[in-house]
Amino acid sequence: METMTVVTALLTGSAAVFYLIGHEYPKAQADMKGIPRRFVPVLGLLLAAGTVGLLAGLAVPWLGRLAAAGLVLYFVGAIVAHLRVGSRNIVGGVVFLAASATTLILSLG
């Protein structure tokens, strides 16, 4: 379980950094989905909070479960946002969703 938690934290943490430093990719994704760019840092903060929660969950399991559940919801929303505008470029979202869901499932068992 710990290994999957760390892998998921690395994935979500790296995505959070890209969102928070103002990288062009998250901005282009927001434009494509019709999301105002001012929400990009908010999305980055959500990813960062999920990452911190996952890592904190290594010491406080219920916190990790909540963080993983929140990330599952985040990535379901991201995939829905892609599909809503007709984008089928969802492989990245599915990978992040799978990692988050796997972490959640392993934390429950």
Protein backbone atom coordinates (compact mmCIF):
# COMPACT_ATOMS: atom_id res chain seq x y z
CA MET A 1 0.00 0.00 0.00
CA GLU A 2 2.76 2.45 0.91
CA THR A 3 4.44 2.06 -2.48
CA MET A 4 1.24 2.84 -4.36
CA THR A 5 0.59 5.81 -2.10
CA VAL A 6 4.02 7.24 -2.87
CA VAL A 7 3.63 6.61 -6.62
CA THR A 8 0.26 8.36 -6.62
CA ALA A 9 1.69 11.23 -4.56
CA LEU A 10 4.52 11.62 -7.08
CA LEU A 11 2.03 11.75 -9.96
CA THR A 12 -0.35 14.19 -8.34
CA GLY A 13 2.44 16.25 -6.81
CA SER A 14 4.13 16.73 -10.17
CA ALA A 15 0.82 17.75 -11.73
CA ALA A 16 0.26 20.21 -8.87
CA VAL A 17 3.64 21.81 -9.54
CA PHE A 18 2.80 22.30 -13.22
CA TYR A 19 -0.50 23.91 -12.31
CA LEU A 20 1.01 26.14 -9.61
CA ILE A 21 4.04 27.42 -11.54
CA GLY A 22 1.88 28.60 -14.41
CA HIS A 23 3.06 26.08 -16.99
CA GLU A 24 1.39 26.45 -20.37
CA TYR A 25 -0.07 22.91 -20.49
CA PRO A 26 -2.64 23.36 -17.70
CA LYS A 27 -3.60 26.74 -19.17
CA ALA A 28 -4.15 25.18 -22.60
CA GLN A 29 -6.21 22.40 -21.01
CA ALA A 30 -8.35 24.97 -19.18
CA ASP A 31 -8.88 26.89 -22.43
CA MET A 32 -9.87 23.71 -24.26
CA LYS A 33 -12.40 22.81 -21.56
CA GLY A 34 -13.80 26.33 -21.29
CA ILE A 35 -12.54 26.79 -17.73
CA PRO A 36 -11.35 30.30 -16.84
CA ARG A 37 -7.58 30.43 -16.38
CA ARG A 38 -8.01 31.96 -12.93
CA PHE A 39 -9.12 28.50 -11.75
CA VAL A 40 -5.85 26.82 -12.80
CA PRO A 41 -4.05 27.69 -9.51
CA VAL A 42 -7.12 26.52 -7.56
CA LEU A 43 -6.95 23.17 -9.35
CA GLY A 44 -3.23 23.05 -8.54
CA LEU A 45 -3.98 23.69 -4.87
CA LEU A 46 -6.52 20.85 -4.88
CA LEU A 47 -3.91 18.53 -6.37
CA ALA A 48 -1.33 19.72 -3.84
CA ALA A 49 -3.76 19.20 -0.95
CA GLY A 50 -4.50 15.68 -2.21
CA THR A 51 -0.79 14.96 -2.44
CA VAL A 52 -0.10 16.20 1.08
CA GLY A 53 -3.10 14.22 2.34
CA LEU A 54 -1.85 11.03 0.72
CA LEU A 55 1.55 11.43 2.33
CA ALA A 56 0.02 12.34 5.70
CA GLY A 57 -2.07 9.19 5.33
CA LEU A 58 1.08 7.14 5.75
CA ALA A 59 0.94 8.21 9.41
CA VAL A 60 -2.80 8.90 9.78
CA PRO A 61 -4.62 6.33 7.61
CA TRP A 62 -8.08 7.96 7.61
CA LEU A 63 -6.54 11.16 6.24
CA GLY A 64 -4.96 9.25 3.38
CA ARG A 65 -8.27 7.58 2.58
CA LEU A 66 -10.02 10.96 2.46
CA ALA A 67 -7.28 12.39 0.24
CA ALA A 68 -7.44 9.43 -2.14
CA ALA A 69 -11.24 9.72 -2.32
CA GLY A 70 -10.93 13.42 -3.06
CA LEU A 71 -8.45 12.74 -5.84
CA VAL A 72 -10.75 10.10 -7.32
CA LEU A 73 -13.50 12.72 -7.48
CA TYR A 74 -11.09 15.28 -8.93
CA PHE A 75 -10.03 12.98 -11.78
CA VAL A 76 -13.57 11.80 -12.50
CA GLY A 77 -14.41 15.50 -12.88
CA ALA A 78 -11.41 16.04 -15.14
CA ILE A 79 -12.44 13.17 -17.41
CA VAL A 80 -16.03 14.42 -17.51
CA ALA A 81 -14.76 17.91 -18.41
CA HIS A 82 -12.84 16.43 -21.35
CA LEU A 83 -15.80 14.41 -22.57
CA ARG A 84 -18.15 17.38 -22.17
CA VAL A 85 -16.23 19.34 -24.82
CA GLY A 86 -15.79 16.34 -27.11
CA SER A 87 -12.16 15.66 -26.22
CA ARG A 88 -11.20 12.01 -26.22
CA ASN A 89 -7.70 12.74 -24.93
CA ILE A 90 -8.40 11.17 -21.55
CA VAL A 91 -5.55 8.69 -21.19
CA GLY A 92 -3.69 10.90 -18.71
CA GLY A 93 -6.80 11.41 -16.61
CA VAL A 94 -7.52 7.69 -16.63
CA VAL A 95 -3.98 6.92 -15.44
CA PHE A 96 -4.28 9.44 -12.59
CA LEU A 97 -7.76 8.15 -11.74
CA ALA A 98 -6.54 4.54 -11.73
CA ALA A 99 -3.64 5.41 -9.44
CA SER A 100 -5.88 7.35 -7.06
CA ALA A 101 -8.56 4.65 -7.03
CA THR A 102 -5.98 1.91 -6.48
CA THR A 103 -4.51 3.86 -3.57
CA LEU A 104 -8.00 4.30 -2.10
CA ILE A 105 -8.87 0.62 -2.49
CA LEU A 106 -5.59 -0.53 -0.97
CA SER A 107 -6.05 1.84 1.97
CA LEU A 108 -9.45 0.30 2.72
CA GLY A 109 -8.17 -3.26 2.86
